[in-house]
Amino acid sequence: MVSQFGYTVLTADSGEHALTVHKNYKGQIDLLITDVVAPGMSGPMLAEKLTEKQPNLKVLYISGFDNTHVVQKYVVEKGHELLSKPFTVEELRNKVQSMLPVVVRSSFG
């Protein structure tokens, strides 16, 4: 969905894969979008590893459990953002655009 908003999107199917993608990507990664609960490596574990390598990385957690201790500890206390499930495409767009510079699209011709 985020690519529809004009952003370049890198995808990973696991936390370990995300670490590899981050390591091998030559450009700047501005935002990590991850579920709080994920198999293998949780979203907070992934975010911790990536923000150690890139402290300015912004993190958006997605969760169906928005009032738990984990959410409080890793979202509120760390200054990250949360988008609660279920959400609409418009809600996702608004959240991403509030966290990142607006993508300017131009059309020629």
PDB file of N, CA and C in Angstrom:
ATOM      1  N   MET A   1       0.819  -1.202   0.000  1.00  0.00           N
ATOM      2  CA  MET A   1       0.000   0.000   0.000  1.00  0.00           C
ATOM      3  C   MET A   1       0.859   1.261   0.000  1.00  0.00           C
ATOM      4  N   VAL A   2       1.971   1.237   0.697  1.00  0.00           N
ATOM      5  CA  VAL A   2       2.786   2.446   0.832  1.00  0.00           C
ATOM      6  C   VAL A   2       3.381   2.868  -0.515  1.00  0.00           C
ATOM      7  N   SER A   3       3.672   1.924  -1.373  1.00  0.00           N
ATOM      8  CA  SER A   3       4.215   2.293  -2.685  1.00  0.00           C
ATOM      9  C   SER A   3       3.196   3.092  -3.495  1.00  0.00           C
ATOM     10  N   GLN A   4       1.905   2.893  -3.232  1.00  0.00           N
ATOM     11  CA  GLN A   4       0.858   3.667  -3.911  1.00  0.00           C
ATOM     12  C   GLN A   4       0.967   5.160  -3.584  1.00  0.00           C
ATOM     13  N   PHE A   5       1.593   5.480  -2.472  1.00  0.00           N
ATOM     14  CA  PHE A   5       1.703   6.880  -2.035  1.00  0.00           C
ATOM     15  C   PHE A   5       2.927   7.564  -2.644  1.00  0.00           C
ATOM     16  N   GLY A   6       3.712   6.827  -3.445  1.00  0.00           N
ATOM     17  CA  GLY A   6       4.865   7.417  -4.112  1.00  0.00           C
ATOM     18  C   GLY A   6       6.195   7.152  -3.446  1.00  0.00           C
ATOM     19  N   TYR A   7       6.214   6.358  -2.413  1.00  0.00           N
ATOM     20  CA  TYR A   7       7.460   6.043  -1.714  1.00  0.00           C
ATOM     21  C   TYR A   7       8.084   4.781  -2.294  1.00  0.00           C
ATOM     22  N   THR A   8       9.400   4.692  -2.214  1.00  0.00           N
ATOM     23  CA  THR A   8      10.103   3.460  -2.551  1.00  0.00           C
ATOM     24  C   THR A   8       9.950   2.521  -1.373  1.00  0.00           C
ATOM     25  N   VAL A   9       9.566   1.292  -1.635  1.00  0.00           N
ATOM     26  CA  VAL A   9       9.297   0.331  -0.572  1.00  0.00           C
ATOM     27  C   VAL A   9      10.195  -0.884  -0.734  1.00  0.00           C
ATOM     28  N   LEU A  10      10.827  -1.266   0.348  1.00  0.00           N
ATOM     29  CA  LEU A  10      11.600  -2.500   0.412  1.00  0.00           C
ATOM     30  C   LEU A  10      10.815  -3.447   1.300  1.00  0.00           C
ATOM     31  N   THR A  11      10.692  -4.686   0.898  1.00  0.00           N
ATOM     32  CA  THR A  11       9.918  -5.624   1.701  1.00  0.00           C
ATOM     33  C   THR A  11      10.795  -6.755   2.208  1.00  0.00           C
ATOM     34  N   ALA A  12      10.363  -7.326   3.315  1.00  0.00           N
ATOM     35  CA  ALA A  12      11.046  -8.473   3.898  1.00  0.00           C
ATOM     36  C   ALA A  12       9.987  -9.364   4.530  1.00  0.00           C
ATOM     37  N   ASP A  13      10.198 -10.669   4.476  1.00  0.00           N
ATOM     38  CA  ASP A  13       9.206 -11.593   5.014  1.00  0.00           C
ATOM     39  C   ASP A  13       9.525 -12.078   6.419  1.00  0.00           C
ATOM     40  N   SER A  14      10.593 -11.532   7.012  1.00  0.00           N
ATOM     41  CA  SER A  14      10.956 -11.882   8.386  1.00  0.00           C
ATOM     42  C   SER A  14      11.894 -10.810   8.925  1.00  0.00           C
ATOM     43  N   GLY A  15      12.099 -10.841  10.229  1.00  0.00           N
ATOM     44  CA  GLY A  15      13.033  -9.899  10.830  1.00  0.00           C
ATOM     45  C   GLY A  15      14.450 -10.095  10.326  1.00  0.00           C
ATOM     46  N   GLU A  16      14.872 -11.340  10.229  1.00  0.00           N
ATOM     47  CA  GLU A  16      16.214 -11.629   9.720  1.00  0.00           C
ATOM     48  C   GLU A  16      16.375 -11.130   8.286  1.00  0.00           C
ATOM     49  N   HIS A  17      15.354 -11.342   7.483  1.00  0.00           N
ATOM     50  CA  HIS A  17      15.391 -10.864   6.104  1.00  0.00           C
ATOM     51  C   HIS A  17      15.461  -9.338   6.076  1.00  0.00           C
ATOM     52  N   ALA A  18      14.724  -8.677   6.948  1.00  0.00           N
ATOM     53  CA  ALA A  18      14.753  -7.210   7.024  1.00  0.00           C
ATOM     54  C   ALA A  18      16.149  -6.702   7.386  1.00  0.00           C
ATOM     55  N   LEU A  19      16.830  -7.400   8.284  1.00  0.00           N
ATOM     56  CA  LEU A  19      18.198  -7.007   8.642  1.00  0.00           C
ATOM     57  C   LEU A  19      19.124  -7.115   7.430  1.00  0.00           C
ATOM     58  N   THR A  20      18.943  -8.167   6.651  1.00  0.00           N
ATOM     59  CA  THR A  20      19.756  -8.349   5.445  1.00  0.00           C
ATOM     60  C   THR A  20      19.444  -7.282   4.410  1.00  0.00           C
ATOM     61  N   VAL A  21      18.167  -6.999   4.214  1.00  0.00           N
ATOM     62  CA  VAL A  21      17.770  -5.948   3.267  1.00  0.00           C
ATOM     63  C   VAL A  21      18.378  -4.612   3.689  1.00  0.00           C
ATOM     64  N   HIS A  22      18.290  -4.292   4.968  1.00  0.00           N
ATOM     65  CA  HIS A  22      18.848  -3.036   5.480  1.00  0.00           C
ATOM     66  C   HIS A  22      20.352  -2.977   5.247  1.00  0.00           C
ATOM     67  N   LYS A  23      21.030  -4.064   5.526  1.00  0.00           N
ATOM     68  CA  LYS A  23      22.495  -4.120   5.369  1.00  0.00           C
ATOM     69  C   LYS A  23      22.911  -3.931   3.913  1.00  0.00           C
ATOM     70  N   ASN A  24      22.163  -4.521   2.991  1.00  0.00           N
ATOM     71  CA  ASN A  24      22.549  -4.511   1.582  1.00  0.00           C
ATOM     72  C   ASN A  24      22.035  -3.312   0.795  1.00  0.00           C
ATOM     73  N   TYR A  25      21.082  -2.574   1.355  1.00  0.00           N
ATOM     74  CA  TYR A  25      20.514  -1.441   0.632  1.00  0.00           C
ATOM     75  C   TYR A  25      21.488  -0.272   0.669  1.00  0.00           C
ATOM     76  N   LYS A  26      21.745   0.299  -0.478  1.00  0.00           N
ATOM     77  CA  LYS A  26      22.743   1.382  -0.573  1.00  0.00           C
ATOM     78  C   LYS A  26      22.168   2.757  -0.256  1.00  0.00           C
ATOM     79  N   GLY A  27      20.867   2.894  -0.289  1.00  0.00           N
ATOM     80  CA  GLY A  27      20.255   4.194  -0.025  1.00  0.00           C
ATOM     81  C   GLY A  27      19.900   4.382   1.433  1.00  0.00           C
ATOM     82  N   GLN A  28      19.242   5.482   1.702  1.00  0.00           N
ATOM     83  CA  GLN A  28      18.780   5.817   3.047  1.00  0.00           C
ATOM     84  C   GLN A  28      17.409   5.197   3.277  1.00  0.00           C
ATOM     85  N   ILE A  29      17.231   4.498   4.368  1.00  0.00           N
ATOM     86  CA  ILE A  29      15.922   3.986   4.753  1.00  0.00           C
ATOM     87  C   ILE A  29      15.383   4.926   5.821  1.00  0.00           C
ATOM     88  N   ASP A  30      14.213   5.483   5.569  1.00  0.00           N
ATOM     89  CA  ASP A  30      13.650   6.506   6.452  1.00  0.00           C
ATOM     90  C   ASP A  30      12.644   5.973   7.456  1.00  0.00           C
ATOM     91  N   LEU A  31      11.986   4.865   7.108  1.00  0.00           N
ATOM     92  CA  LEU A  31      10.886   4.390   7.935  1.00  0.00           C
ATOM     93  C   LEU A  31      10.826   2.868   7.924  1.00  0.00           C
ATOM     94  N   LEU A  32      10.700   2.290   9.109  1.00  0.00           N
ATOM     95  CA  LEU A  32      10.438   0.863   9.262  1.00  0.00           C
ATOM     96  C   LEU A  32       8.978   0.717   9.646  1.00  0.00           C
ATOM     97  N   ILE A  33       8.240  -0.083   8.889  1.00  0.00           N
ATOM     98  CA  ILE A  33       6.865  -0.425   9.242  1.00  0.00           C
ATOM     99  C   ILE A  33       6.875  -1.905   9.578  1.00  0.00           C
ATOM    100  N   THR A  34       6.495  -2.231  10.810  1.00  0.00           N
ATOM    101  CA  THR A  34       6.540  -3.619  11.252  1.00  0.00           C
ATOM    102  C   THR A  34       5.394  -3.918  12.202  1.00  0.00           C
ATOM    103  N   ASP A  35       4.972  -5.152  12.186  1.00  0.00           N
ATOM    104  CA  ASP A  35       3.957  -5.592  13.142  1.00  0.00           C
ATOM    105  C   ASP A  35       4.647  -5.772  14.491  1.00  0.00           C
ATOM    106  N   VAL A  36       3.937  -5.520  15.562  1.00  0.00           N
ATOM    107  CA  VAL A  36       4.499  -5.730  16.897  1.00  0.00           C
ATOM    108  C   VAL A  36       4.788  -7.209  17.097  1.00  0.00           C
ATOM    109  N   VAL A  37       3.831  -8.045  16.744  1.00  0.00           N
ATOM    110  CA  VAL A  37       3.975  -9.493  16.907  1.00  0.00           C
ATOM    111  C   VAL A  37       4.312 -10.093  15.551  1.00  0.00           C
ATOM    112  N   ALA A  38       5.468 -10.737  15.478  1.00  0.00           N
ATOM    113  CA  ALA A  38       5.892 -11.369  14.234  1.00  0.00           C
ATOM    114  C   ALA A  38       6.618 -12.662  14.577  1.00  0.00           C
ATOM    115  N   PRO A  39       6.526 -13.648  13.707  1.00  0.00           N
ATOM    116  CA  PRO A  39       7.217 -14.911  13.985  1.00  0.00           C
ATOM    117  C   PRO A  39       8.734 -14.745  13.907  1.00  0.00           C
ATOM    118  N   GLY A  40       9.427 -15.465  14.760  1.00  0.00           N
ATOM    119  CA  GLY A  40      10.886 -15.430  14.739  1.00  0.00           C
ATOM    120  C   GLY A  40      11.452 -14.256  15.508  1.00  0.00           C
ATOM    121  N   MET A  41      11.279 -13.066  14.983  1.00  0.00           N
ATOM    122  CA  MET A  41      11.790 -11.849  15.610  1.00  0.00           C
ATOM    123  C   MET A  41      10.645 -10.849  15.689  1.00  0.00           C
ATOM    124  N   SER A  42      10.333 -10.391  16.891  1.00  0.00           N
ATOM    125  CA  SER A  42       9.235  -9.434  17.044  1.00  0.00           C
ATOM    126  C   SER A  42       9.596  -8.099  16.402  1.00  0.00           C
ATOM    127  N   GLY A  43       8.572  -7.316  16.130  1.00  0.00           N
ATOM    128  CA  GLY A  43       8.797  -5.981  15.602  1.00  0.00           C
ATOM    129  C   GLY A  43       9.685  -5.130  16.495  1.00  0.00           C
ATOM    130  N   PRO A  44       9.454  -5.119  17.820  1.00  0.00           N
ATOM    131  CA  PRO A  44      10.332  -4.345  18.695  1.00  0.00           C
ATOM    132  C   PRO A  44      11.796  -4.823  18.676  1.00  0.00           C
ATOM    133  N   MET A  45      12.005  -6.123  18.566  1.00  0.00           N
ATOM    134  CA  MET A  45      13.383  -6.629  18.474  1.00  0.00           C
ATOM    135  C   MET A  45      14.043  -6.150  17.188  1.00  0.00           C
ATOM    136  N   LEU A  46      13.302  -6.219  16.081  1.00  0.00           N
ATOM    137  CA  LEU A  46      13.821  -5.754  14.803  1.00  0.00           C
ATOM    138  C   LEU A  46      14.122  -4.261  14.863  1.00  0.00           C
ATOM    139  N   ALA A  47      13.194  -3.489  15.396  1.00  0.00           N
ATOM    140  CA  ALA A  47      13.389  -2.041  15.482  1.00  0.00           C
ATOM    141  C   ALA A  47      14.609  -1.698  16.334  1.00  0.00           C
ATOM    142  N   GLU A  48      14.788  -2.421  17.412  1.00  0.00           N
ATOM    143  CA  GLU A  48      15.940  -2.170  18.273  1.00  0.00           C
ATOM    144  C   GLU A  48      17.247  -2.413  17.526  1.00  0.00           C
ATOM    145  N   LYS A  49      17.319  -3.513  16.794  1.00  0.00           N
ATOM    146  CA  LYS A  49      18.534  -3.832  16.038  1.00  0.00           C
ATOM    147  C   LYS A  49      18.791  -2.794  14.943  1.00  0.00           C
ATOM    148  N   LEU A  50      17.744  -2.392  14.250  1.00  0.00           N
ATOM    149  CA  LEU A  50      17.930  -1.439  13.161  1.00  0.00           C
ATOM    150  C   LEU A  50      18.226  -0.031  13.661  1.00  0.00           C
ATOM    151  N   THR A  51      17.599   0.387  14.753  1.00  0.00           N
ATOM    152  CA  THR A  51      17.881   1.739  15.259  1.00  0.00           C
ATOM    153  C   THR A  51      19.251   1.817  15.927  1.00  0.00           C
ATOM    154  N   GLU A  52      19.808   0.687  16.334  1.00  0.00           N
ATOM    155  CA  GLU A  52      21.207   0.693  16.797  1.00  0.00           C
ATOM    156  C   GLU A  52      22.133   1.033  15.634  1.00  0.00           C
ATOM    157  N   LYS A  53      21.810   0.527  14.450  1.00  0.00           N
ATOM    158  CA  LYS A  53      22.620   0.776  13.254  1.00  0.00           C
ATOM    159  C   LYS A  53      22.301   2.124  12.627  1.00  0.00           C
ATOM    160  N   GLN A  54      21.048   2.549  12.748  1.00  0.00           N
ATOM    161  CA  GLN A  54      20.592   3.795  12.136  1.00  0.00           C
ATOM    162  C   GLN A  54      19.680   4.525  13.128  1.00  0.00           C
ATOM    163  N   PRO A  55      20.259   5.295  14.033  1.00  0.00           N
ATOM    164  CA  PRO A  55      19.476   5.928  15.105  1.00  0.00           C
ATOM    165  C   PRO A  55      18.353   6.853  14.639  1.00  0.00           C
ATOM    166  N   ASN A  56      18.462   7.423  13.461  1.00  0.00           N
ATOM    167  CA  ASN A  56      17.422   8.338  12.967  1.00  0.00           C
ATOM    168  C   ASN A  56      16.275   7.616  12.262  1.00  0.00           C
ATOM    169  N   LEU A  57      16.303   6.289  12.220  1.00  0.00           N
ATOM    170  CA  LEU A  57      15.247   5.515  11.573  1.00  0.00           C
ATOM    171  C   LEU A  57      13.933   5.690  12.334  1.00  0.00           C
ATOM    172  N   LYS A  58      12.899   6.065  11.620  1.00  0.00           N
ATOM    173  CA  LYS A  58      11.581   6.195  12.227  1.00  0.00           C
ATOM    174  C   LYS A  58      10.906   4.830  12.178  1.00  0.00           C
ATOM    175  N   VAL A  59      10.088   4.560  13.198  1.00  0.00           N
ATOM    176  CA  VAL A  59       9.449   3.251  13.301  1.00  0.00           C
ATOM    177  C   VAL A  59       7.943   3.420  13.456  1.00  0.00           C
ATOM    178  N   LEU A  60       7.211   2.698  12.620  1.00  0.00           N
ATOM    179  CA  LEU A  60       5.762   2.638  12.707  1.00  0.00           C
ATOM    180  C   LEU A  60       5.377   1.195  12.990  1.00  0.00           C
ATOM    181  N   TYR A  61       4.803   0.970  14.158  1.00  0.00           N
ATOM    182  CA  TYR A  61       4.311  -0.359  14.508  1.00  0.00           C
ATOM    183  C   TYR A  61       2.860  -0.471  14.094  1.00  0.00           C
ATOM    184  N   ILE A  62       2.514  -1.664  13.654  1.00  0.00           N
ATOM    185  CA  ILE A  62       1.125  -1.989  13.356  1.00  0.00           C
ATOM    186  C   ILE A  62       0.741  -3.093  14.322  1.00  0.00           C
ATOM    187  N   SER A  63      -0.402  -2.942  14.977  1.00  0.00           N
ATOM    188  CA  SER A  63      -0.794  -3.950  15.955  1.00  0.00           C
ATOM    189  C   SER A  63      -2.299  -3.972  16.166  1.00  0.00           C
ATOM    190  N   GLY A  64      -2.790  -5.151  16.434  1.00  0.00           N
ATOM    191  CA  GLY A  64      -4.175  -5.307  16.841  1.00  0.00           C
ATOM    192  C   GLY A  64      -4.323  -5.180  18.341  1.00  0.00           C
ATOM    193  N   PHE A  65      -3.192  -5.074  19.030  1.00  0.00           N
ATOM    194  CA  PHE A  65      -3.170  -4.984  20.494  1.00  0.00           C
ATOM    195  C   PHE A  65      -2.550  -3.643  20.864  1.00  0.00           C
ATOM    196  N   ASP A  66      -3.372  -2.607  20.953  1.00  0.00           N
ATOM    197  CA  ASP A  66      -2.820  -1.265  21.131  1.00  0.00           C
ATOM    198  C   ASP A  66      -2.715  -0.819  22.585  1.00  0.00           C
ATOM    199  N   ASN A  67      -3.111  -1.647  23.510  1.00  0.00           N
ATOM    200  CA  ASN A  67      -3.115  -1.207  24.901  1.00  0.00           C
ATOM    201  C   ASN A  67      -2.342  -2.166  25.802  1.00  0.00           C
ATOM    202  N   THR A  68      -1.279  -2.745  25.281  1.00  0.00           N
ATOM    203  CA  THR A  68      -0.517  -3.721  26.044  1.00  0.00           C
ATOM    204  C   THR A  68       0.767  -3.107  26.584  1.00  0.00           C
ATOM    205  N   HIS A  69       1.403  -3.815  27.488  1.00  0.00           N
ATOM    206  CA  HIS A  69       2.684  -3.381  28.053  1.00  0.00           C
ATOM    207  C   HIS A  69       3.745  -3.258  26.962  1.00  0.00           C
ATOM    208  N   VAL A  70       3.752  -4.205  26.034  1.00  0.00           N
ATOM    209  CA  VAL A  70       4.738  -4.179  24.954  1.00  0.00           C
ATOM    210  C   VAL A  70       4.587  -2.907  24.134  1.00  0.00           C
ATOM    211  N   VAL A  71       3.346  -2.571  23.812  1.00  0.00           N
ATOM    212  CA  VAL A  71       3.104  -1.358  23.028  1.00  0.00           C
ATOM    213  C   VAL A  71       3.555  -0.131  23.812  1.00  0.00           C
ATOM    214  N   GLN A  72       3.225  -0.059  25.075  1.00  0.00           N
ATOM    215  CA  GLN A  72       3.660   1.070  25.906  1.00  0.00           C
ATOM    216  C   GLN A  72       5.177   1.187  25.922  1.00  0.00           C
ATOM    217  N   LYS A  73       5.848   0.060  26.151  1.00  0.00           N
ATOM    218  CA  LYS A  73       7.307   0.065  26.293  1.00  0.00           C
ATOM    219  C   LYS A  73       8.016   0.427  24.993  1.00  0.00           C
ATOM    220  N   TYR A  74       7.564  -0.145  23.883  1.00  0.00           N
ATOM    221  CA  TYR A  74       8.308   0.025  22.639  1.00  0.00           C
ATOM    222  C   TYR A  74       7.778   1.127  21.739  1.00  0.00           C
ATOM    223  N   VAL A  75       6.591   1.584  21.974  1.00  0.00           N
ATOM    224  CA  VAL A  75       6.065   2.662  21.142  1.00  0.00           C
ATOM    225  C   VAL A  75       6.156   3.985  21.889  1.00  0.00           C
ATOM    226  N   VAL A  76       5.477   4.081  22.989  1.00  0.00           N
ATOM    227  CA  VAL A  76       5.404   5.345  23.721  1.00  0.00           C
ATOM    228  C   VAL A  76       6.770   5.739  24.277  1.00  0.00           C
ATOM    229  N   GLU A  77       7.407   4.848  24.997  1.00  0.00           N
ATOM    230  CA  GLU A  77       8.669   5.177  25.650  1.00  0.00           C
ATOM    231  C   GLU A  77       9.804   5.437  24.662  1.00  0.00           C
ATOM    232  N   LYS A  78       9.764   4.834  23.490  1.00  0.00           N
ATOM    233  CA  LYS A  78      10.828   5.010  22.489  1.00  0.00           C
ATOM    234  C   LYS A  78      10.513   6.123  21.497  1.00  0.00           C
ATOM    235  N   GLY A  79       9.314   6.683  21.592  1.00  0.00           N
ATOM    236  CA  GLY A  79       8.955   7.766  20.686  1.00  0.00           C
ATOM    237  C   GLY A  79       8.580   7.304  19.287  1.00  0.00           C
ATOM    238  N   HIS A  80       8.214   6.045  19.144  1.00  0.00           N
ATOM    239  CA  HIS A  80       7.781   5.525  17.853  1.00  0.00           C
ATOM    240  C   HIS A  80       6.282   5.735  17.692  1.00  0.00           C
ATOM    241  N   GLU A  81       5.772   5.360  16.546  1.00  0.00           N
ATOM    242  CA  GLU A  81       4.354   5.547  16.238  1.00  0.00           C
ATOM    243  C   GLU A  81       3.643   4.202  16.172  1.00  0.00           C
ATOM    244  N   LEU A  82       2.323   4.238  16.319  1.00  0.00           N
ATOM    245  CA  LEU A  82       1.496   3.038  16.276  1.00  0.00           C
ATOM    246  C   LEU A  82       0.278   3.289  15.410  1.00  0.00           C
ATOM    247  N   LEU A  83      -0.046   2.299  14.588  1.00  0.00           N
ATOM    248  CA  LEU A  83      -1.279   2.301  13.822  1.00  0.00           C
ATOM    249  C   LEU A  83      -2.012   1.015  14.192  1.00  0.00           C
ATOM    250  N   SER A  84      -3.192   1.165  14.759  1.00  0.00           N
ATOM    251  CA  SER A  84      -3.944   0.010  15.238  1.00  0.00           C
ATOM    252  C   SER A  84      -4.738  -0.636  14.116  1.00  0.00           C
ATOM    253  N   LYS A  85      -4.730  -1.970  14.116  1.00  0.00           N
ATOM    254  CA  LYS A  85      -5.547  -2.743  13.173  1.00  0.00           C
ATOM    255  C   LYS A  85      -6.971  -2.785  13.685  1.00  0.00           C
ATOM    256  N   PRO A  86      -7.921  -2.848  12.817  1.00  0.00           N
ATOM    257  CA  PRO A  86      -7.814  -2.656  11.368  1.00  0.00           C
ATOM    258  C   PRO A  86      -7.691  -1.170  11.040  1.00  0.00           C
ATOM    259  N   PHE A  87      -7.110  -0.881   9.903  1.00  0.00           N
ATOM    260  CA  PHE A  87      -6.969   0.507   9.469  1.00  0.00           C
ATOM    261  C   PHE A  87      -7.278   0.586   7.979  1.00  0.00           C
ATOM    262  N   THR A  88      -7.573   1.788   7.539  1.00  0.00           N
ATOM    263  CA  THR A  88      -7.864   2.017   6.129  1.00  0.00           C
ATOM    264  C   THR A  88      -6.597   2.472   5.413  1.00  0.00           C
ATOM    265  N   VAL A  89      -6.639   2.434   4.107  1.00  0.00           N
ATOM    266  CA  VAL A  89      -5.517   2.932   3.305  1.00  0.00           C
ATOM    267  C   VAL A  89      -5.290   4.410   3.614  1.00  0.00           C
ATOM    268  N   GLU A  90      -6.359   5.152   3.778  1.00  0.00           N
ATOM    269  CA  GLU A  90      -6.247   6.586   4.084  1.00  0.00           C
ATOM    270  C   GLU A  90      -5.578   6.809   5.440  1.00  0.00           C
ATOM    271  N   GLU A  91      -5.914   6.007   6.425  1.00  0.00           N
ATOM    272  CA  GLU A  91      -5.270   6.132   7.743  1.00  0.00           C
ATOM    273  C   GLU A  91      -3.777   5.818   7.645  1.00  0.00           C
ATOM    274  N   LEU A  92      -3.430   4.806   6.868  1.00  0.00           N
ATOM    275  CA  LEU A  92      -2.015   4.479   6.670  1.00  0.00           C
ATOM    276  C   LEU A  92      -1.306   5.618   5.957  1.00  0.00           C
ATOM    277  N   ARG A  93      -1.919   6.136   4.910  1.00  0.00           N
ATOM    278  CA  ARG A  93      -1.314   7.254   4.176  1.00  0.00           C
ATOM    279  C   ARG A  93      -1.081   8.447   5.096  1.00  0.00           C
ATOM    280  N   ASN A  94      -2.068   8.799   5.888  1.00  0.00           N
ATOM    281  CA  ASN A  94      -1.930   9.940   6.790  1.00  0.00           C
ATOM    282  C   ASN A  94      -0.805   9.720   7.801  1.00  0.00           C
ATOM    283  N   LYS A  95      -0.713   8.519   8.341  1.00  0.00           N
ATOM    284  CA  LYS A  95       0.326   8.224   9.334  1.00  0.00           C
ATOM    285  C   LYS A  95       1.711   8.293   8.700  1.00  0.00           C
ATOM    286  N   VAL A  96       1.870   7.660   7.535  1.00  0.00           N
ATOM    287  CA  VAL A  96       3.171   7.673   6.859  1.00  0.00           C
ATOM    288  C   VAL A  96       3.552   9.101   6.482  1.00  0.00           C
ATOM    289  N   GLN A  97       2.608   9.860   5.940  1.00  0.00           N
ATOM    290  CA  GLN A  97       2.916  11.228   5.538  1.00  0.00           C
ATOM    291  C   GLN A  97       3.218  12.128   6.727  1.00  0.00           C
ATOM    292  N   SER A  98       2.663  11.805   7.897  1.00  0.00           N
ATOM    293  CA  SER A  98       2.989  12.601   9.080  1.00  0.00           C
ATOM    294  C   SER A  98       4.396  12.290   9.591  1.00  0.00           C
ATOM    295  N   MET A  99       4.917  11.122   9.214  1.00  0.00           N
ATOM    296  CA  MET A  99       6.240  10.701   9.686  1.00  0.00           C
ATOM    297  C   MET A  99       7.350  10.999   8.682  1.00  0.00           C
ATOM    298  N   LEU A 100       6.997  11.137   7.419  1.00  0.00           N
ATOM    299  CA  LEU A 100       7.985  11.337   6.354  1.00  0.00           C
ATOM    300  C   LEU A 100       7.656  12.582   5.555  1.00  0.00           C
ATOM    301  N   PRO A 101       8.649  13.101   4.855  1.00  0.00           N
ATOM    302  CA  PRO A 101       8.365  14.216   3.960  1.00  0.00           C
ATOM    303  C   PRO A 101       7.357  13.785   2.899  1.00  0.00           C
ATOM    304  N   VAL A 102       6.549  14.709   2.484  1.00  0.00           N
ATOM    305  CA  VAL A 102       5.553  14.428   1.452  1.00  0.00           C
ATOM    306  C   VAL A 102       6.281  14.186   0.135  1.00  0.00           C
ATOM    307  N   VAL A 103       5.847  13.168  -0.562  1.00  0.00           N
ATOM    308  CA  VAL A 103       6.403  12.863  -1.873  1.00  0.00           C
ATOM    309  C   VAL A 103       5.728  13.765  -2.890  1.00  0.00           C
ATOM    310  N   VAL A 104       6.535  14.458  -3.659  1.00  0.00           N
ATOM    311  CA  VAL A 104       5.996  15.337  -4.684  1.00  0.00           C
ATOM    312  C   VAL A 104       6.022  14.571  -5.995  1.00  0.00           C
ATOM    313  N   ARG A 105       4.867  14.429  -6.573  1.00  0.00           N
ATOM    314  CA  ARG A 105       4.770  13.765  -7.865  1.00  0.00           C
ATOM    315  C   ARG A 105       4.573  14.822  -8.920  1.00  0.00           C
ATOM    316  N   SER A 106       5.267  14.654 -10.006  1.00  0.00           N
ATOM    317  CA  SER A 106       5.049  15.583 -11.096  1.00  0.00           C
ATOM    318  C   SER A 106       4.680  14.779 -12.340  1.00  0.00           C
ATOM    319  N   SER A 107       3.905  15.393 -13.160  1.00  0.00           N
ATOM    320  CA  SER A 107       3.552  14.737 -14.425  1.00  0.00           C
ATOM    321  C   SER A 107       3.986  15.639 -15.558  1.00  0.00           C
ATOM    322  N   PHE A 108       4.512  15.019 -16.554  1.00  0.00           N
ATOM    323  CA  PHE A 108       4.964  15.770 -17.700  1.00  0.00           C
ATOM    324  C   PHE A 108       4.141  15.349 -18.899  1.00  0.00           C
ATOM    325  N   GLY A 109       3.727  16.344 -19.619  1.00  0.00           N
ATOM    326  CA  GLY A 109       3.196  16.082 -20.816  1.00  0.00           C
ATOM    327  C   GLY A 109       2.043  15.736 -21.408  1.00  0.00           C
TER     328      GLY A 109
END
